[in-house]
Amino acid sequence: MGSRQRRMTLPTDPKREDPIFKPAEQQCSDPAHGAAFILVHGLGDSAEGLEDVADQFQKNHKLSYMNWIIPNAQESRDAQTTAWYTPNSFSTYPPDRPELAPEEDDAGMRKSVAYLETLIDACTNKGIPPQRIVLGGFSQGCALSLLLDLTSSKYAGRLGGIVGLMGYLPLAAGSKIENMRAHAGLPVGHGDVPIFLARGQADQMVPSRVWQQTLKKLETLGVGKDHMEVHEYEGLGHTLSGPVLRDMCSFIERYVPKLED
């Protein structure tokens, strides 16, 4: 990335399609002035499903300094579709007995987080500082982005921003995330990485109680209100919209702005 750089070398995996890479419209000769957005799709989708988001931004010359990396999940035998981890369905109401709640696929989540770390590695290997990298995604992509920011021994608390679209924080019940942070040698507090969260008020895939549990858990983990931008969109379901993307754009411009080359 940048006029003096070769095309970014992204990790390959024989079990998944390679990521889609869209270089910045305005490339920087100084890699440290560049920026990257790793945008992660949701359950049953692919990188092509989110490619139009990057295309819209570039067509309208928004975030012109941003390099886009859109990875692909593997085919999941359990989910019978592409998935970053085996999903479980949410009920509108919490279970009467917490121990009877469906188990979450934390092993699958850890594996996918490790893969996303390799994409961040590819950016830093090209000279882009972690604080110039935005990680975000839709639904399962949101879940992984939050989990990486909270538990990664390499990048927790170091990125430029986290974008969560129509998703939730996994493993929010109990103290799993706290234990993962402790195991990774991370401090008790989250730090000051800004987080953008968006939810449609008509979203039936992620019930309101799961959304509220996410916000409460993030607060428990030390994410202050000054570092979290939360949007709810009236009438919007489990999908993206123009207002969501406009608010996301403003968030990124604020925290990972264009730098003069």
Protein backbone atom coordinates (compact mmCIF):
# COMPACT_ATOMS: atom_id res chain seq x y z
CA MET A 1 0.00 0.00 0.00
CA GLY A 2 1.30 3.41 -0.90
CA SER A 3 2.84 4.46 -4.17
CA ARG A 4 6.17 2.90 -3.22
CA GLN A 5 4.78 -0.31 -1.82
CA ARG A 6 4.04 -3.59 -3.43
CA ARG A 7 0.60 -5.11 -3.13
CA MET A 8 -0.01 -6.31 0.39
CA THR A 9 0.75 -9.99 0.90
CA LEU A 10 -2.17 -11.48 2.82
CA PRO A 11 -2.11 -14.90 4.48
CA THR A 12 -3.52 -17.77 2.47
CA ASP A 13 -5.49 -20.70 3.83
CA PRO A 14 -6.36 -23.73 1.68
CA LYS A 15 -9.61 -24.15 3.62
CA ARG A 16 -10.97 -20.70 2.82
CA GLU A 17 -11.19 -18.25 -0.06
CA ASP A 18 -8.53 -15.54 -0.01
CA PRO A 19 -9.56 -12.13 1.35
CA ILE A 20 -10.66 -9.39 -0.99
CA PHE A 21 -8.13 -6.56 -0.95
CA LYS A 22 -9.00 -3.09 -2.18
CA PRO A 23 -6.06 -0.66 -2.03
CA ALA A 24 -6.61 2.91 -0.99
CA GLU A 25 -7.57 5.39 -3.69
CA GLN A 26 -4.96 7.81 -2.37
CA GLN A 27 -1.93 5.83 -1.41
CA CYS A 28 0.75 7.16 0.90
CA SER A 29 4.46 7.05 0.24
CA ASP A 30 4.92 6.79 4.01
CA PRO A 31 3.32 3.51 5.15
CA ALA A 32 2.89 4.89 8.68
CA HIS A 33 0.42 7.43 7.26
CA GLY A 34 -1.67 4.73 5.62
CA ALA A 35 -4.69 3.05 7.19
CA ALA A 36 -6.58 -0.21 6.86
CA PHE A 37 -10.10 -1.40 7.56
CA ILE A 38 -10.49 -5.16 8.08
CA LEU A 39 -14.22 -5.74 7.51
CA VAL A 40 -15.58 -9.15 8.57
CA HIS A 41 -18.80 -10.64 7.19
CA GLY A 42 -21.49 -12.51 9.08
CA LEU A 43 -22.90 -16.03 9.18
CA GLY A 44 -23.68 -17.53 5.78
CA ASP A 45 -22.09 -14.68 3.87
CA SER A 46 -18.73 -14.13 2.16
CA ALA A 47 -16.32 -11.32 1.44
CA GLU A 48 -18.23 -10.60 -1.78
CA GLY A 49 -21.29 -9.85 0.34
CA LEU A 50 -19.51 -6.89 1.93
CA GLU A 51 -17.44 -5.85 -1.07
CA ASP A 52 -20.18 -3.43 -2.11
CA VAL A 53 -19.64 -1.49 1.12
CA ALA A 54 -16.02 -0.79 0.16
CA ASP A 55 -17.09 -0.05 -3.42
CA GLN A 56 -19.66 2.51 -2.23
CA PHE A 57 -17.08 4.31 -0.12
CA GLN A 58 -14.50 4.39 -2.89
CA LYS A 59 -17.04 5.41 -5.54
CA ASN A 60 -18.01 8.38 -3.38
CA HIS A 61 -14.38 9.12 -2.46
CA LYS A 62 -15.00 8.50 1.22
CA LEU A 63 -12.13 7.21 3.37
CA SER A 64 -9.97 7.48 0.26
CA TYR A 65 -6.84 6.84 2.34
CA MET A 66 -8.22 3.54 3.66
CA ASN A 67 -7.13 0.11 2.42
CA TRP A 68 -9.91 -2.46 2.64
CA ILE A 69 -9.37 -6.11 3.61
CA ILE A 70 -12.47 -8.29 3.56
CA PRO A 71 -11.78 -11.89 4.66
CA ASN A 72 -13.75 -15.08 4.09
CA ALA A 73 -14.97 -17.54 6.71
CA GLN A 74 -14.58 -21.26 6.14
CA GLU A 75 -17.40 -23.60 5.29
CA SER A 76 -18.74 -25.04 8.55
CA ARG A 77 -20.04 -28.60 8.62
CA ASP A 78 -22.01 -27.90 11.80
CA ALA A 79 -23.56 -24.67 10.51
CA GLN A 80 -23.90 -26.06 6.96
CA THR A 81 -22.81 -22.71 5.59
CA THR A 82 -19.90 -20.31 5.92
CA ALA A 83 -19.33 -19.43 9.56
CA TRP A 84 -16.60 -17.97 11.74
CA TYR A 85 -17.84 -20.19 14.57
CA THR A 86 -20.75 -22.52 15.19
CA PRO A 87 -23.74 -20.28 15.93
CA ASN A 88 -26.40 -20.76 18.53
CA SER A 89 -29.81 -19.20 18.34
CA PHE A 90 -30.86 -16.53 20.79
CA SER A 91 -34.15 -16.70 22.63
CA THR A 92 -36.12 -13.55 23.28
CA TYR A 93 -36.08 -14.29 27.01
CA PRO A 94 -33.16 -15.54 29.08
CA PRO A 95 -33.26 -19.20 30.20
CA ASP A 96 -34.79 -19.89 33.63
CA ARG A 97 -31.58 -21.69 34.57
CA PRO A 98 -28.33 -20.15 33.23
CA GLU A 99 -26.61 -23.54 33.18
CA LEU A 100 -29.10 -24.67 30.54
CA ALA A 101 -28.16 -21.86 28.13
CA PRO A 102 -26.68 -23.09 24.83
CA GLU A 103 -22.91 -23.51 24.86
CA GLU A 104 -20.99 -21.00 22.76
CA ASP A 105 -18.29 -22.18 20.37
CA ASP A 106 -15.39 -20.48 22.10
CA ALA A 107 -12.86 -22.78 20.41
CA GLY A 108 -14.15 -21.72 16.99
CA MET A 109 -14.08 -18.09 18.04
CA ARG A 110 -10.47 -18.36 19.23
CA LYS A 111 -9.47 -19.95 15.94
CA SER A 112 -11.10 -17.17 13.93
CA VAL A 113 -9.61 -14.46 16.15
CA ALA A 114 -6.19 -15.99 15.51
CA TYR A 115 -6.82 -15.78 11.76
CA LEU A 116 -7.85 -12.12 12.00
CA GLU A 117 -4.64 -11.48 13.92
CA THR A 118 -2.69 -12.68 10.87
CA LEU A 119 -4.48 -10.07 8.74
CA ILE A 120 -3.50 -7.37 11.21
CA ASP A 121 0.05 -8.76 11.09
CA ALA A 122 0.03 -8.31 7.31
CA CYS A 123 -0.86 -4.64 7.77
CA THR A 124 1.78 -3.99 10.40
CA ASN A 125 4.36 -5.84 8.28
CA LYS A 126 3.70 -3.22 5.60
CA GLY A 127 4.37 -0.47 8.10
CA ILE A 128 0.81 0.49 9.06
CA PRO A 129 0.74 1.09 12.83
CA PRO A 130 -1.92 -0.80 14.82
CA GLN A 131 -3.49 2.52 15.80
CA ARG A 132 -4.15 3.15 12.08
CA ILE A 133 -6.04 -0.13 11.70
CA VAL A 134 -9.82 -0.43 12.14
CA LEU A 135 -11.34 -3.86 12.76
CA GLY A 136 -15.05 -4.34 12.36
CA GLY A 137 -17.77 -6.52 11.04
CA PHE A 138 -21.39 -7.48 10.65
CA SER A 139 -23.13 -9.91 13.05
CA GLN A 140 -20.57 -12.69 13.67
CA GLY A 141 -17.97 -10.27 12.31
CA CYS A 142 -18.97 -7.81 15.02
CA ALA A 143 -18.69 -10.52 17.66
CA LEU A 144 -15.16 -11.46 16.58
CA SER A 145 -14.03 -7.84 16.36
CA LEU A 146 -15.11 -7.16 19.92
CA LEU A 147 -13.62 -10.41 21.16
CA LEU A 148 -10.24 -9.74 19.52
CA ASP A 149 -10.14 -6.23 20.96
CA LEU A 150 -10.82 -7.61 24.42
CA THR A 151 -8.75 -10.81 24.49
CA SER A 152 -5.94 -10.77 21.90
CA SER A 153 -2.52 -10.92 23.54
CA LYS A 154 -1.12 -9.15 20.44
CA TYR A 155 -3.67 -6.46 19.64
CA ALA A 156 -6.12 -5.98 22.51
CA GLY A 157 -6.30 -2.29 23.29
CA ARG A 158 -3.93 -1.34 20.47
CA LEU A 159 -6.08 -0.80 17.37
CA GLY A 160 -7.39 2.47 16.00
CA GLY A 161 -11.04 1.54 16.38
CA ILE A 162 -13.59 -1.26 16.52
CA VAL A 163 -16.79 -1.25 14.45
CA GLY A 164 -19.64 -3.53 15.46
CA LEU A 165 -22.61 -3.72 13.10
CA MET A 166 -25.78 -5.60 14.03
CA GLY A 167 -23.90 -7.91 16.36
CA TYR A 168 -23.14 -8.64 19.97
CA LEU A 169 -20.38 -9.54 22.41
CA PRO A 170 -19.98 -13.32 22.67
CA LEU A 171 -19.03 -15.14 25.87
CA ALA A 172 -20.58 -12.29 27.83
CA ALA A 173 -22.10 -14.46 30.54
CA GLY A 174 -19.99 -15.22 33.58
CA SER A 175 -16.29 -14.41 33.66
CA LYS A 176 -14.99 -16.14 30.52
CA ILE A 177 -13.70 -12.95 28.93
CA GLU A 178 -12.06 -11.83 32.17
CA ASN A 179 -10.33 -15.22 32.38
CA MET A 180 -9.21 -14.96 28.76
CA ARG A 181 -7.77 -11.51 29.42
CA ALA A 182 -5.94 -12.76 32.48
CA HIS A 183 -4.55 -15.73 30.54
CA ALA A 184 -3.32 -13.35 27.83
CA GLY A 185 -1.60 -11.18 30.43
CA LEU A 186 -3.87 -8.21 29.74
CA PRO A 187 -4.72 -5.53 32.30
CA VAL A 188 -8.05 -5.47 34.06
CA GLY A 189 -9.23 -2.32 32.27
CA HIS A 190 -10.01 -2.26 28.57
CA GLY A 191 -8.14 0.90 27.63
CA ASP A 192 -9.22 3.70 25.35
CA VAL A 193 -9.79 2.03 21.94
CA PRO A 194 -12.95 3.68 20.54
CA ILE A 195 -15.84 1.33 19.74
CA PHE A 196 -18.71 2.01 17.34
CA LEU A 197 -21.82 -0.13 17.84
CA ALA A 198 -24.92 -0.10 15.64
CA ARG A 199 -28.16 -2.04 15.99
CA GLY A 200 -31.48 -1.97 14.19
CA GLN A 201 -34.36 -1.72 16.62
CA ALA A 202 -36.29 -4.23 14.50
CA ASP A 203 -33.42 -6.75 14.51
CA GLN A 204 -34.92 -10.16 15.33
CA MET A 205 -31.62 -12.03 14.95
CA VAL A 206 -30.01 -10.28 17.92
CA PRO A 207 -32.70 -9.74 20.58
CA SER A 208 -32.74 -6.58 22.63
CA ARG A 209 -31.74 -8.48 25.78
CA VAL A 210 -28.54 -9.70 24.06
CA TRP A 211 -27.79 -6.14 22.94
CA GLN A 212 -28.31 -4.83 26.46
CA GLN A 213 -26.16 -7.64 27.87
CA THR A 214 -23.42 -6.60 25.44
CA LEU A 215 -23.50 -2.97 26.54
CA LYS A 216 -23.53 -3.93 30.20
CA LYS A 217 -20.64 -6.37 29.81
CA LEU A 218 -18.52 -3.85 27.93
CA GLU A 219 -19.08 -1.41 30.77
CA THR A 220 -18.09 -4.10 33.27
CA LEU A 221 -14.91 -4.71 31.28
CA GLY A 222 -13.96 -1.06 31.61
CA VAL A 223 -15.15 0.36 28.30
CA GLY A 224 -16.08 3.89 29.28
CA LYS A 225 -18.95 5.80 27.68
CA ASP A 226 -16.42 8.29 26.36
CA HIS A 227 -14.90 5.51 24.25
CA MET A 228 -18.11 3.91 22.99
CA GLU A 229 -20.41 5.35 20.31
CA VAL A 230 -23.75 3.55 20.31
CA HIS A 231 -26.44 3.94 17.64
CA GLU A 232 -29.89 2.36 17.37
CA TYR A 233 -31.88 2.74 14.16
CA GLU A 234 -35.65 2.81 14.24
CA GLY A 235 -37.34 0.32 11.92
CA LEU A 236 -34.07 -1.28 10.80
CA GLY A 237 -33.67 -5.05 10.93
CA HIS A 238 -30.59 -7.27 10.68
CA THR A 239 -29.10 -5.38 7.77
CA LEU A 240 -27.09 -2.30 6.86
CA SER A 241 -28.42 1.05 5.68
CA GLY A 242 -27.22 4.41 4.44
CA PRO A 243 -27.47 6.07 7.86
CA VAL A 244 -25.46 3.24 9.46
CA LEU A 245 -22.66 3.61 6.91
CA ARG A 246 -22.65 7.39 7.20
CA ASP A 247 -22.31 7.21 10.98
CA MET A 248 -19.61 4.57 10.64
CA CYS A 249 -17.71 6.78 8.19
CA SER A 250 -17.83 9.74 10.56
CA PHE A 251 -16.57 7.56 13.40
CA ILE A 252 -13.60 6.30 11.38
CA GLU A 253 -12.72 9.76 10.11
CA ARG A 254 -12.72 11.01 13.70
CA TYR A 255 -10.47 8.34 15.19
CA VAL A 256 -8.35 7.25 12.21
CA PRO A 257 -8.20 10.46 10.16
CA LYS A 258 -6.40 11.12 6.94
CA LEU A 259 -2.79 12.20 7.48
CA GLU A 260 -0.84 14.46 5.18
CA ASP A 261 1.77 12.49 3.25
